[in-house]
Amino acid sequence: MLNENLKFETTVHLNGKLLNETPLFKAFDVEFLSQLTFVIKKRIFNVDEHIFYEGEIGESLFYIQKGSVRLTHRKTQTFIKELGGDDFMGEIAFFTDDTRTVSA
């Protein structure tokens, strides 16, 4: 419902603010973060909802803004670790185009 210019400015402002406050992205320059604001998607997951499975192709990087994520080995249901606010996961598969793995 917003005109394109207002939509653009709103997207850059909101996503840029999130990125600027995120430790993972503090090392990147403003130009890169501005471009990144258009590919970021905010998702909310329900309790016990799977985010990804081991062996999947890593098409996304996940940053946990708030809440927590429990990493569990799929076959054995063995607890690996819990991640919380300002943690991230999935970066290795995302940047290497490798399949997802879960490690401590």
N, C-alpha and C. Protein backbone atom coordinates (compact mmCIF):
# COMPACT_ATOMS: atom_id res chain seq x y z
N MET A 1 0.82 -1.19 0.00
CA MET A 1 0.00 0.00 0.00
C MET A 1 0.86 1.26 0.00
N LEU A 2 2.14 1.11 0.36
CA LEU A 2 3.04 2.27 0.35
C LEU A 2 3.57 2.50 -1.05
N ASN A 3 3.88 3.75 -1.37
CA ASN A 3 4.52 3.99 -2.66
C ASN A 3 5.94 3.42 -2.62
N GLU A 4 6.55 3.20 -3.75
CA GLU A 4 7.84 2.52 -3.84
C GLU A 4 8.94 3.22 -3.06
N ASN A 5 8.99 4.55 -3.11
CA ASN A 5 10.03 5.29 -2.40
C ASN A 5 9.89 5.12 -0.89
N LEU A 6 8.68 5.22 -0.38
CA LEU A 6 8.44 5.06 1.05
C LEU A 6 8.70 3.61 1.49
N LYS A 7 8.33 2.68 0.65
CA LYS A 7 8.60 1.26 0.93
C LYS A 7 10.11 1.02 1.02
N PHE A 8 10.85 1.59 0.10
CA PHE A 8 12.31 1.48 0.08
C PHE A 8 12.92 2.06 1.35
N GLU A 9 12.54 3.27 1.69
CA GLU A 9 13.09 3.95 2.87
C GLU A 9 12.75 3.20 4.16
N THR A 10 11.54 2.70 4.27
CA THR A 10 11.11 1.96 5.46
C THR A 10 11.91 0.67 5.59
N THR A 11 12.09 -0.05 4.51
CA THR A 11 12.85 -1.30 4.52
C THR A 11 14.29 -1.06 4.95
N VAL A 12 14.94 -0.09 4.35
CA VAL A 12 16.32 0.23 4.69
C VAL A 12 16.44 0.63 6.16
N HIS A 13 15.53 1.46 6.63
CA HIS A 13 15.60 1.94 8.00
C HIS A 13 15.42 0.80 9.01
N LEU A 14 14.35 0.03 8.86
CA LEU A 14 14.06 -1.03 9.84
C LEU A 14 15.10 -2.14 9.81
N ASN A 15 15.41 -2.63 8.64
CA ASN A 15 16.39 -3.72 8.54
C ASN A 15 17.80 -3.23 8.85
N GLY A 16 18.11 -2.02 8.42
CA GLY A 16 19.43 -1.45 8.72
C GLY A 16 19.64 -1.28 10.21
N LYS A 17 18.61 -0.87 10.92
CA LYS A 17 18.70 -0.70 12.37
C LYS A 17 18.98 -2.05 13.04
N LEU A 18 18.27 -3.08 12.60
CA LEU A 18 18.49 -4.42 13.13
C LEU A 18 19.92 -4.88 12.86
N LEU A 19 20.39 -4.71 11.64
CA LEU A 19 21.74 -5.14 11.29
C LEU A 19 22.80 -4.37 12.06
N ASN A 20 22.61 -3.08 12.20
CA ASN A 20 23.58 -2.25 12.89
C ASN A 20 23.73 -2.65 14.36
N GLU A 21 22.68 -3.18 14.95
CA GLU A 21 22.70 -3.59 16.36
C GLU A 21 23.11 -5.05 16.54
N THR A 22 23.38 -5.75 15.46
CA THR A 22 23.69 -7.16 15.50
C THR A 22 25.19 -7.38 15.48
N PRO A 23 25.74 -8.05 16.51
CA PRO A 23 27.19 -8.28 16.56
C PRO A 23 27.74 -8.99 15.31
N LEU A 24 26.98 -9.89 14.74
CA LEU A 24 27.42 -10.64 13.56
C LEU A 24 27.76 -9.71 12.40
N PHE A 25 27.05 -8.60 12.26
CA PHE A 25 27.21 -7.72 11.11
C PHE A 25 27.97 -6.43 11.38
N LYS A 26 28.43 -6.22 12.59
CA LYS A 26 29.12 -4.97 12.92
C LYS A 26 30.39 -4.74 12.10
N ALA A 27 31.02 -5.81 11.63
CA ALA A 27 32.27 -5.68 10.89
C ALA A 27 32.06 -5.24 9.43
N PHE A 28 30.83 -5.29 8.95
CA PHE A 28 30.57 -4.98 7.54
C PHE A 28 30.31 -3.49 7.35
N ASP A 29 30.65 -2.99 6.16
CA ASP A 29 30.45 -1.58 5.90
C ASP A 29 28.99 -1.27 5.57
N VAL A 30 28.66 0.01 5.62
CA VAL A 30 27.29 0.48 5.45
C VAL A 30 26.72 0.10 4.08
N GLU A 31 27.54 0.19 3.04
CA GLU A 31 27.06 -0.13 1.69
C GLU A 31 26.60 -1.59 1.60
N PHE A 32 27.39 -2.49 2.16
CA PHE A 32 27.03 -3.91 2.16
C PHE A 32 25.75 -4.13 2.95
N LEU A 33 25.65 -3.52 4.13
CA LEU A 33 24.47 -3.69 4.98
C LEU A 33 23.22 -3.13 4.30
N SER A 34 23.36 -2.04 3.57
CA SER A 34 22.23 -1.47 2.84
C SER A 34 21.71 -2.45 1.79
N GLN A 35 22.61 -3.10 1.09
CA GLN A 35 22.20 -4.08 0.08
C GLN A 35 21.59 -5.31 0.76
N LEU A 36 22.14 -5.67 1.89
CA LEU A 36 21.67 -6.85 2.61
C LEU A 36 20.25 -6.68 3.15
N THR A 37 19.85 -5.45 3.40
CA THR A 37 18.52 -5.22 3.97
C THR A 37 17.40 -5.73 3.07
N PHE A 38 17.66 -5.88 1.79
CA PHE A 38 16.60 -6.32 0.86
C PHE A 38 16.50 -7.83 0.72
N VAL A 39 17.41 -8.56 1.30
CA VAL A 39 17.33 -10.02 1.23
C VAL A 39 17.04 -10.67 2.58
N ILE A 40 17.01 -9.87 3.62
CA ILE A 40 16.72 -10.39 4.96
C ILE A 40 15.22 -10.63 5.09
N LYS A 41 14.89 -11.75 5.69
CA LYS A 41 13.49 -12.07 5.95
C LYS A 41 13.35 -12.42 7.42
N LYS A 42 12.46 -11.73 8.09
CA LYS A 42 12.20 -12.02 9.49
C LYS A 42 11.21 -13.18 9.56
N ARG A 43 11.55 -14.18 10.34
CA ARG A 43 10.66 -15.34 10.52
C ARG A 43 10.49 -15.60 11.99
N ILE A 44 9.31 -16.02 12.34
CA ILE A 44 9.02 -16.40 13.71
C ILE A 44 8.69 -17.89 13.69
N PHE A 45 9.36 -18.63 14.56
CA PHE A 45 9.15 -20.07 14.63
C PHE A 45 8.39 -20.41 15.90
N ASN A 46 7.54 -21.41 15.81
CA ASN A 46 6.79 -21.89 16.96
C ASN A 46 7.63 -22.85 17.79
N VAL A 47 7.23 -23.06 19.02
CA VAL A 47 7.88 -24.04 19.89
C VAL A 47 7.83 -25.40 19.19
N ASP A 48 8.94 -26.12 19.21
CA ASP A 48 9.08 -27.45 18.61
C ASP A 48 9.00 -27.47 17.08
N GLU A 49 9.04 -26.31 16.44
CA GLU A 49 9.07 -26.27 14.98
C GLU A 49 10.51 -26.46 14.51
N HIS A 50 10.72 -27.29 13.52
CA HIS A 50 12.05 -27.52 12.98
C HIS A 50 12.45 -26.36 12.08
N ILE A 51 13.66 -25.88 12.27
CA ILE A 51 14.18 -24.79 11.45
C ILE A 51 14.90 -25.36 10.24
N PHE A 52 15.74 -26.35 10.46
CA PHE A 52 16.36 -27.09 9.36
C PHE A 52 16.79 -28.46 9.87
N TYR A 53 17.03 -29.36 8.94
CA TYR A 53 17.49 -30.71 9.25
C TYR A 53 18.91 -30.90 8.74
N GLU A 54 19.65 -31.76 9.40
CA GLU A 54 20.97 -32.13 8.92
C GLU A 54 20.84 -32.69 7.50
N GLY A 55 21.79 -32.36 6.66
CA GLY A 55 21.80 -32.88 5.30
C GLY A 55 21.13 -31.97 4.28
N GLU A 56 20.36 -30.99 4.72
CA GLU A 56 19.74 -30.05 3.79
C GLU A 56 20.79 -29.09 3.23
N ILE A 57 20.51 -28.55 2.06
CA ILE A 57 21.37 -27.53 1.48
C ILE A 57 21.19 -26.24 2.28
N GLY A 58 22.29 -25.56 2.55
CA GLY A 58 22.25 -24.34 3.36
C GLY A 58 21.91 -23.11 2.57
N GLU A 59 20.64 -22.81 2.42
CA GLU A 59 20.21 -21.65 1.66
C GLU A 59 19.95 -20.43 2.54
N SER A 60 20.00 -20.61 3.85
CA SER A 60 19.71 -19.51 4.77
C SER A 60 20.69 -19.51 5.93
N LEU A 61 20.93 -18.33 6.44
CA LEU A 61 21.70 -18.11 7.65
C LEU A 61 20.70 -17.62 8.68
N PHE A 62 20.77 -18.13 9.90
CA PHE A 62 19.78 -17.79 10.92
C PHE A 62 20.43 -17.00 12.05
N TYR A 63 19.85 -15.85 12.34
CA TYR A 63 20.26 -15.02 13.46
C TYR A 63 19.11 -15.03 14.46
N ILE A 64 19.41 -15.33 15.71
CA ILE A 64 18.37 -15.42 16.73
C ILE A 64 18.27 -14.06 17.42
N GLN A 65 17.20 -13.38 17.16
CA GLN A 65 17.01 -12.05 17.75
C GLN A 65 16.57 -12.18 19.20
N LYS A 66 15.59 -13.05 19.46
CA LYS A 66 15.20 -13.32 20.83
C LYS A 66 14.59 -14.72 20.90
N GLY A 67 14.55 -15.24 22.10
CA GLY A 67 14.09 -16.61 22.29
C GLY A 67 15.29 -17.54 22.32
N SER A 68 15.04 -18.82 22.09
CA SER A 68 16.13 -19.78 22.09
C SER A 68 15.86 -20.90 21.09
N VAL A 69 16.94 -21.53 20.67
CA VAL A 69 16.88 -22.64 19.73
C VAL A 69 17.67 -23.79 20.32
N ARG A 70 17.08 -24.95 20.30
CA ARG A 70 17.72 -26.15 20.84
C ARG A 70 18.22 -26.99 19.67
N LEU A 71 19.54 -27.23 19.60
CA LEU A 71 20.13 -28.06 18.56
C LEU A 71 20.13 -29.52 19.04
N THR A 72 19.54 -30.38 18.23
CA THR A 72 19.39 -31.79 18.59
C THR A 72 19.77 -32.65 17.40
N HIS A 73 20.50 -33.73 17.66
CA HIS A 73 20.82 -34.69 16.60
C HIS A 73 19.54 -35.42 16.22
N ARG A 74 19.22 -35.41 14.94
CA ARG A 74 17.93 -35.90 14.47
C ARG A 74 17.71 -37.39 14.75
N LYS A 75 18.69 -38.23 14.41
CA LYS A 75 18.49 -39.67 14.54
C LYS A 75 18.48 -40.14 15.99
N THR A 76 19.36 -39.59 16.81
CA THR A 76 19.47 -40.07 18.19
C THR A 76 18.70 -39.21 19.19
N GLN A 77 18.20 -38.05 18.73
CA GLN A 77 17.52 -37.08 19.60
C GLN A 77 18.42 -36.62 20.75
N THR A 78 19.74 -36.65 20.52
CA THR A 78 20.71 -36.22 21.51
C THR A 78 20.82 -34.70 21.50
N PHE A 79 20.71 -34.10 22.69
CA PHE A 79 20.86 -32.65 22.84
C PHE A 79 22.30 -32.26 22.55
N ILE A 80 22.50 -31.22 21.73
CA ILE A 80 23.84 -30.75 21.42
C ILE A 80 24.13 -29.45 22.15
N LYS A 81 23.31 -28.43 21.95
CA LYS A 81 23.45 -27.17 22.69
C LYS A 81 22.24 -26.30 22.43
N GLU A 82 22.14 -25.25 23.25
CA GLU A 82 21.05 -24.29 23.11
C GLU A 82 21.63 -22.94 22.75
N LEU A 83 21.01 -22.29 21.78
CA LEU A 83 21.42 -20.96 21.33
C LEU A 83 20.35 -19.96 21.74
N GLY A 84 20.77 -18.72 21.98
CA GLY A 84 19.82 -17.69 22.38
C GLY A 84 20.04 -16.40 21.64
N GLY A 85 19.49 -15.31 22.17
CA GLY A 85 19.58 -14.00 21.54
C GLY A 85 21.00 -13.61 21.17
N ASP A 86 21.16 -13.07 19.97
CA ASP A 86 22.44 -12.66 19.37
C ASP A 86 23.32 -13.82 18.92
N ASP A 87 22.86 -15.05 19.04
CA ASP A 87 23.58 -16.19 18.46
C ASP A 87 23.13 -16.36 17.02
N PHE A 88 23.90 -17.08 16.25
CA PHE A 88 23.54 -17.38 14.87
C PHE A 88 23.91 -18.81 14.55
N MET A 89 23.30 -19.34 13.50
CA MET A 89 23.58 -20.72 13.09
C MET A 89 23.34 -20.85 11.60
N GLY A 90 23.92 -21.88 11.03
CA GLY A 90 23.74 -22.15 9.62
C GLY A 90 24.73 -21.44 8.72
N GLU A 91 25.69 -20.74 9.31
CA GLU A 91 26.60 -19.92 8.51
C GLU A 91 27.56 -20.74 7.65
N ILE A 92 28.00 -21.89 8.13
CA ILE A 92 28.96 -22.68 7.35
C ILE A 92 28.33 -23.19 6.07
N ALA A 93 27.17 -23.81 6.18
CA ALA A 93 26.48 -24.31 4.99
C ALA A 93 26.07 -23.17 4.07
N PHE A 94 25.66 -22.06 4.65
CA PHE A 94 25.23 -20.91 3.85
C PHE A 94 26.35 -20.36 2.99
N PHE A 95 27.52 -20.16 3.59
CA PHE A 95 28.63 -19.55 2.86
C PHE A 95 29.41 -20.53 1.99
N THR A 96 29.29 -21.83 2.24
CA THR A 96 30.05 -22.81 1.47
C THR A 96 29.20 -23.62 0.50
N ASP A 97 27.89 -23.42 0.49
CA ASP A 97 26.96 -24.21 -0.33
C ASP A 97 27.06 -25.71 -0.01
N ASP A 98 27.46 -26.02 1.20
CA ASP A 98 27.54 -27.39 1.67
C ASP A 98 26.22 -27.77 2.33
N THR A 99 26.09 -29.03 2.71
CA THR A 99 24.88 -29.44 3.41
C THR A 99 24.98 -29.10 4.90
N ARG A 100 23.85 -29.03 5.53
CA ARG A 100 23.78 -28.68 6.94
C ARG A 100 24.31 -29.80 7.81
N THR A 101 25.05 -29.42 8.86
CA THR A 101 25.49 -30.34 9.90
C THR A 101 25.24 -29.67 11.23
N VAL A 102 25.17 -30.47 12.26
CA VAL A 102 25.00 -29.94 13.60
C VAL A 102 26.21 -30.35 14.41
N SER A 103 26.88 -29.36 15.00
CA SER A 103 28.06 -29.67 15.80
C SER A 103 28.09 -28.76 17.00
N ALA A 104 28.76 -29.23 18.03
CA ALA A 104 28.90 -28.43 19.24
C ALA A 104 30.00 -27.46 19.00
